Amino acid sequence: MPCNKVNRQQKYFSMRIEMKTANKFLFPPGFYYIGDLCYVMHKEWDEVCDITIDGLGVIDGVFNLADGRKFGLWGTAYGDGSYNDNLGREYPVDAGLIGIIAVEDIDESEKENLKLGNITHFKNPFVVKCSEGKFNFGNLILIDTTYSDMDSNYDEDCDEYYED
């Protein structure tokens, strides 16, 4: 229904402006999936895209689904790929973003995909800070997607790795 879509867009407009200027978000304690949300939100993905896509870009921030479930997502510095956190754990990315959602808010049919990200238990309320491809989840999980330590086998002109 076009009217509902317009109302939904208006509803999120003010939130989008706030999200563009803020880069710190408070989450309650619990078990959280951190990783590319496209792996664990298949059923909700159209709604996620409706909420977070603005023209050709994706809006970084924390959002609520229509049913009240909260999630956050932020674009990586270089889109798809594989990134590591400060604990050496890997985060494969296929939607160009890394996000967070409470494990209890992930549909049971998606639980097998939890292995495509990582589960972290936050015992206290925690702040998520994300800016320019650098992610900080409660000062426990740090992910830098900026490739500040470029591998010597990376060819920027070709945007790919090569074998020696």
C-alpha atoms as a PDB file:
ATOM      1  CA  MET A   1       0.000   0.000   0.000  1.00  0.00           C
ATOM      2  CA  PRO A   2       1.556   3.273  -1.083  1.00  0.00           C
ATOM      3  CA  CYS A   3       0.129   5.232   1.873  1.00  0.00           C
ATOM      4  CA  ASN A   4       1.709   2.879   4.410  1.00  0.00           C
ATOM      5  CA  LYS A   5       5.046   3.060   2.619  1.00  0.00           C
ATOM      6  CA  VAL A   6       4.958   6.861   2.653  1.00  0.00           C
ATOM      7  CA  ASN A   7       4.018   6.880   6.356  1.00  0.00           C
ATOM      8  CA  ARG A   8       6.807   4.399   7.111  1.00  0.00           C
ATOM      9  CA  GLN A   9       9.310   6.547   5.245  1.00  0.00           C
ATOM     10  CA  GLN A  10       8.139   9.648   7.124  1.00  0.00           C
ATOM     11  CA  LYS A  11       8.307   7.740  10.415  1.00  0.00           C
ATOM     12  CA  TYR A  12      11.933   6.812   9.839  1.00  0.00           C
ATOM     13  CA  PHE A  13      12.985  10.146   8.326  1.00  0.00           C
ATOM     14  CA  SER A  14      13.588  11.868  11.655  1.00  0.00           C
ATOM     15  CA  MET A  15      15.302   8.740  13.007  1.00  0.00           C
ATOM     16  CA  ARG A  16      17.596   8.674   9.975  1.00  0.00           C
ATOM     17  CA  ILE A  17      18.713  12.252  10.559  1.00  0.00           C
ATOM     18  CA  GLU A  18      19.500  11.423  14.187  1.00  0.00           C
ATOM     19  CA  MET A  19      21.369   8.265  13.171  1.00  0.00           C
ATOM     20  CA  LYS A  20      23.538  10.151  10.710  1.00  0.00           C
ATOM     21  CA  THR A  21      24.806  12.452  13.431  1.00  0.00           C
ATOM     22  CA  ALA A  22      25.101   9.974  16.291  1.00  0.00           C
ATOM     23  CA  ASN A  23      27.695   7.207  16.397  1.00  0.00           C
ATOM     24  CA  LYS A  24      27.180   5.775  19.893  1.00  0.00           C
ATOM     25  CA  PHE A  25      24.319   3.488  20.805  1.00  0.00           C
ATOM     26  CA  LEU A  26      23.431   1.837  24.127  1.00  0.00           C
ATOM     27  CA  PHE A  27      22.382  -1.828  24.220  1.00  0.00           C
ATOM     28  CA  PRO A  28      21.135  -3.865  27.207  1.00  0.00           C
ATOM     29  CA  PRO A  29      23.078  -6.895  28.526  1.00  0.00           C
ATOM     30  CA  GLY A  30      22.632 -10.208  26.752  1.00  0.00           C
ATOM     31  CA  PHE A  31      23.899 -12.542  24.073  1.00  0.00           C
ATOM     32  CA  TYR A  32      24.385 -10.824  20.716  1.00  0.00           C
ATOM     33  CA  TYR A  33      25.153 -11.934  17.195  1.00  0.00           C
ATOM     34  CA  ILE A  34      27.755  -9.670  15.613  1.00  0.00           C
ATOM     35  CA  GLY A  35      28.333 -10.044  11.892  1.00  0.00           C
ATOM     36  CA  ASP A  36      26.656  -9.500   8.545  1.00  0.00           C
ATOM     37  CA  LEU A  37      22.940  -9.422   9.347  1.00  0.00           C
ATOM     38  CA  CYS A  38      21.991 -10.724   5.897  1.00  0.00           C
ATOM     39  CA  TYR A  39      22.884 -14.213   7.151  1.00  0.00           C
ATOM     40  CA  VAL A  40      20.476 -14.214  10.101  1.00  0.00           C
ATOM     41  CA  MET A  41      17.607 -11.967   9.002  1.00  0.00           C
ATOM     42  CA  HIS A  42      16.397 -13.576   5.758  1.00  0.00           C
ATOM     43  CA  LYS A  43      12.690 -13.270   6.608  1.00  0.00           C
ATOM     44  CA  GLU A  44      13.095  -9.656   7.690  1.00  0.00           C
ATOM     45  CA  TRP A  45      15.557  -8.569   5.013  1.00  0.00           C
ATOM     46  CA  ASP A  46      13.026  -6.658   2.897  1.00  0.00           C
ATOM     47  CA  GLU A  47      11.953  -4.694   5.969  1.00  0.00           C
ATOM     48  CA  VAL A  48      15.589  -4.078   6.969  1.00  0.00           C
ATOM     49  CA  CYS A  49      16.281  -2.713   3.487  1.00  0.00           C
ATOM     50  CA  ASP A  50      13.135  -0.537   3.541  1.00  0.00           C
ATOM     51  CA  ILE A  51      14.285   0.987   6.827  1.00  0.00           C
ATOM     52  CA  THR A  52      17.981   1.430   6.068  1.00  0.00           C
ATOM     53  CA  ILE A  53      18.336   2.107   2.347  1.00  0.00           C
ATOM     54  CA  ASP A  54      18.116   5.746   1.315  1.00  0.00           C
ATOM     55  CA  GLY A  55      18.422   6.096  -2.442  1.00  0.00           C
ATOM     56  CA  LEU A  56      21.661   4.369  -3.384  1.00  0.00           C
ATOM     57  CA  GLY A  57      23.145   4.374   0.108  1.00  0.00           C
ATOM     58  CA  VAL A  58      22.649   2.543   3.367  1.00  0.00           C
ATOM     59  CA  ILE A  59      22.090   4.523   6.530  1.00  0.00           C
ATOM     60  CA  ASP A  60      24.254   3.445   9.453  1.00  0.00           C
ATOM     61  CA  GLY A  61      22.647   3.243  12.867  1.00  0.00           C
ATOM     62  CA  VAL A  62      20.305   1.410  15.182  1.00  0.00           C
ATOM     63  CA  PHE A  63      16.759   0.674  14.080  1.00  0.00           C
ATOM     64  CA  ASN A  64      13.628  -1.176  15.192  1.00  0.00           C
ATOM     65  CA  LEU A  65      11.658  -3.626  13.105  1.00  0.00           C
ATOM     66  CA  ALA A  66       7.880  -3.160  13.049  1.00  0.00           C
ATOM     67  CA  ASP A  67       7.591  -5.863  15.739  1.00  0.00           C
ATOM     68  CA  GLY A  68       9.967  -3.919  18.033  1.00  0.00           C
ATOM     69  CA  ARG A  69      13.141  -5.966  17.613  1.00  0.00           C
ATOM     70  CA  LYS A  70      16.219  -3.743  17.711  1.00  0.00           C
ATOM     71  CA  PHE A  71      19.235  -4.120  15.436  1.00  0.00           C
ATOM     72  CA  GLY A  72      22.191  -2.023  14.394  1.00  0.00           C
ATOM     73  CA  LEU A  73      24.171  -2.025  11.180  1.00  0.00           C
ATOM     74  CA  TRP A  74      27.043  -0.071   9.735  1.00  0.00           C
ATOM     75  CA  GLY A  75      28.836  -0.235   6.420  1.00  0.00           C
ATOM     76  CA  THR A  76      32.352  -1.601   6.264  1.00  0.00           C
ATOM     77  CA  ALA A  77      35.106   0.573   4.813  1.00  0.00           C
ATOM     78  CA  TYR A  78      35.508  -1.567   1.678  1.00  0.00           C
ATOM     79  CA  GLY A  79      32.247  -3.505   1.370  1.00  0.00           C
ATOM     80  CA  ASP A  80      32.220  -7.271   1.079  1.00  0.00           C
ATOM     81  CA  GLY A  81      35.100  -9.384   2.288  1.00  0.00           C
ATOM     82  CA  SER A  82      36.312 -11.003   5.444  1.00  0.00           C
ATOM     83  CA  TYR A  83      37.365  -9.071   8.522  1.00  0.00           C
ATOM     84  CA  ASN A  84      38.872 -10.096  11.866  1.00  0.00           C
ATOM     85  CA  ASP A  85      38.257  -8.767  15.339  1.00  0.00           C
ATOM     86  CA  ASN A  86      40.742  -8.121  18.131  1.00  0.00           C
ATOM     87  CA  LEU A  87      40.303 -11.738  19.287  1.00  0.00           C
ATOM     88  CA  GLY A  88      41.255 -13.116  15.867  1.00  0.00           C
ATOM     89  CA  ARG A  89      37.696 -14.211  15.010  1.00  0.00           C
ATOM     90  CA  GLU A  90      36.541 -13.906  11.415  1.00  0.00           C
ATOM     91  CA  TYR A  91      33.511 -12.019  10.074  1.00  0.00           C
ATOM     92  CA  PRO A  92      32.539 -12.868   6.487  1.00  0.00           C
ATOM     93  CA  VAL A  93      30.602 -10.024   4.832  1.00  0.00           C
ATOM     94  CA  ASP A  94      28.351 -10.290   1.776  1.00  0.00           C
ATOM     95  CA  ALA A  95      26.079  -7.254   2.254  1.00  0.00           C
ATOM     96  CA  GLY A  96      28.866  -4.739   2.863  1.00  0.00           C
ATOM     97  CA  LEU A  97      27.948  -4.298   6.507  1.00  0.00           C
ATOM     98  CA  ILE A  98      28.510  -5.528  10.020  1.00  0.00           C
ATOM     99  CA  GLY A  99      25.648  -5.424  12.463  1.00  0.00           C
ATOM    100  CA  ILE A 100      24.392  -6.524  15.835  1.00  0.00           C
ATOM    101  CA  ILE A 101      21.160  -8.131  17.020  1.00  0.00           C
ATOM    102  CA  ALA A 102      20.201  -9.969  20.197  1.00  0.00           C
ATOM    103  CA  VAL A 103      20.373 -13.736  19.660  1.00  0.00           C
ATOM    104  CA  GLU A 104      16.886 -14.079  21.167  1.00  0.00           C
ATOM    105  CA  ASP A 105      15.589 -11.791  18.381  1.00  0.00           C
ATOM    106  CA  ILE A 106      16.831 -14.074  15.614  1.00  0.00           C
ATOM    107  CA  ASP A 107      14.225 -16.429  14.155  1.00  0.00           C
ATOM    108  CA  GLU A 108      14.745 -20.066  15.117  1.00  0.00           C
ATOM    109  CA  SER A 109      15.059 -21.020  11.426  1.00  0.00           C
ATOM    110  CA  GLU A 110      18.128 -18.752  11.166  1.00  0.00           C
ATOM    111  CA  LYS A 111      20.022 -20.173  14.179  1.00  0.00           C
ATOM    112  CA  GLU A 112      22.127 -22.472  11.966  1.00  0.00           C
ATOM    113  CA  ASN A 113      23.583 -19.346  10.348  1.00  0.00           C
ATOM    114  CA  LEU A 114      24.927 -17.945  13.629  1.00  0.00           C
ATOM    115  CA  LYS A 115      28.277 -19.525  12.745  1.00  0.00           C
ATOM    116  CA  LEU A 116      28.641 -16.921   9.967  1.00  0.00           C
ATOM    117  CA  GLY A 117      29.229 -14.282  12.633  1.00  0.00           C
ATOM    118  CA  ASN A 118      30.132 -14.458  16.292  1.00  0.00           C
ATOM    119  CA  ILE A 119      28.124 -14.560  19.510  1.00  0.00           C
ATOM    120  CA  THR A 120      29.271 -12.361  22.364  1.00  0.00           C
ATOM    121  CA  HIS A 121      27.849 -12.233  25.878  1.00  0.00           C
ATOM    122  CA  PHE A 122      27.692  -8.731  27.296  1.00  0.00           C
ATOM    123  CA  LYS A 123      27.096  -8.934  31.055  1.00  0.00           C
ATOM    124  CA  ASN A 124      26.318  -5.231  31.446  1.00  0.00           C
ATOM    125  CA  PRO A 125      24.732  -2.526  29.289  1.00  0.00           C
ATOM    126  CA  PHE A 126      27.214  -1.616  26.580  1.00  0.00           C
ATOM    127  CA  VAL A 127      27.857   1.054  23.997  1.00  0.00           C
ATOM    128  CA  VAL A 128      28.339   0.349  20.308  1.00  0.00           C
ATOM    129  CA  LYS A 129      30.466   2.904  18.466  1.00  0.00           C
ATOM    130  CA  CYS A 130      31.053   2.734  14.738  1.00  0.00           C
ATOM    131  CA  SER A 131      32.744   5.253  12.526  1.00  0.00           C
ATOM    132  CA  GLU A 132      34.545   5.151   9.175  1.00  0.00           C
ATOM    133  CA  GLY A 133      34.820   1.361   9.048  1.00  0.00           C
ATOM    134  CA  LYS A 134      35.908   0.909  12.655  1.00  0.00           C
ATOM    135  CA  PHE A 135      33.571  -0.975  14.989  1.00  0.00           C
ATOM    136  CA  ASN A 136      33.653  -1.047  18.791  1.00  0.00           C
ATOM    137  CA  PHE A 137      31.155  -3.296  20.544  1.00  0.00           C
ATOM    138  CA  GLY A 138      31.308  -2.526  24.270  1.00  0.00           C
ATOM    139  CA  ASN A 139      35.111  -2.245  24.253  1.00  0.00           C
ATOM    140  CA  LEU A 140      35.128  -6.067  24.022  1.00  0.00           C
ATOM    141  CA  ILE A 141      34.938  -6.615  20.277  1.00  0.00           C
ATOM    142  CA  LEU A 142      36.895  -4.318  17.981  1.00  0.00           C
ATOM    143  CA  ILE A 143      36.750  -4.720  14.208  1.00  0.00           C
ATOM    144  CA  ASP A 144      38.750  -2.516  11.856  1.00  0.00           C
ATOM    145  CA  THR A 145      37.660  -2.833   8.221  1.00  0.00           C
ATOM    146  CA  THR A 146      39.919  -0.058   6.917  1.00  0.00           C
ATOM    147  CA  TYR A 147      42.810  -2.346   5.970  1.00  0.00           C
ATOM    148  CA  SER A 148      45.269   0.002   7.628  1.00  0.00           C
ATOM    149  CA  ASP A 149      47.876  -2.778   7.487  1.00  0.00           C
ATOM    150  CA  MET A 150      47.564  -3.616   3.802  1.00  0.00           C
ATOM    151  CA  ASP A 151      48.926  -7.020   2.904  1.00  0.00           C
ATOM    152  CA  SER A 152      51.987  -6.801   0.663  1.00  0.00           C
ATOM    153  CA  ASN A 153      50.222  -9.121  -1.802  1.00  0.00           C
ATOM    154  CA  TYR A 154      47.334  -6.730  -2.316  1.00  0.00           C
ATOM    155  CA  ASP A 155      47.228  -4.834  -5.606  1.00  0.00           C
ATOM    156  CA  GLU A 156      45.094  -1.712  -5.141  1.00  0.00           C
ATOM    157  CA  ASP A 157      44.912  -1.086  -8.901  1.00  0.00           C
ATOM    158  CA  CYS A 158      43.341  -4.488  -9.481  1.00  0.00           C
ATOM    159  CA  ASP A 159      41.482  -4.566  -6.136  1.00  0.00           C
ATOM    160  CA  GLU A 160      42.536  -8.148  -5.526  1.00  0.00           C
ATOM    161  CA  TYR A 161      45.200 -10.334  -4.006  1.00  0.00           C
ATOM    162  CA  TYR A 162      47.782 -12.082  -6.143  1.00  0.00           C
ATOM    163  CA  GLU A 163      50.070 -15.055  -5.598  1.00  0.00           C
ATOM    164  CA  ASP A 164      53.828 -14.509  -5.276  1.00  0.00           C
END
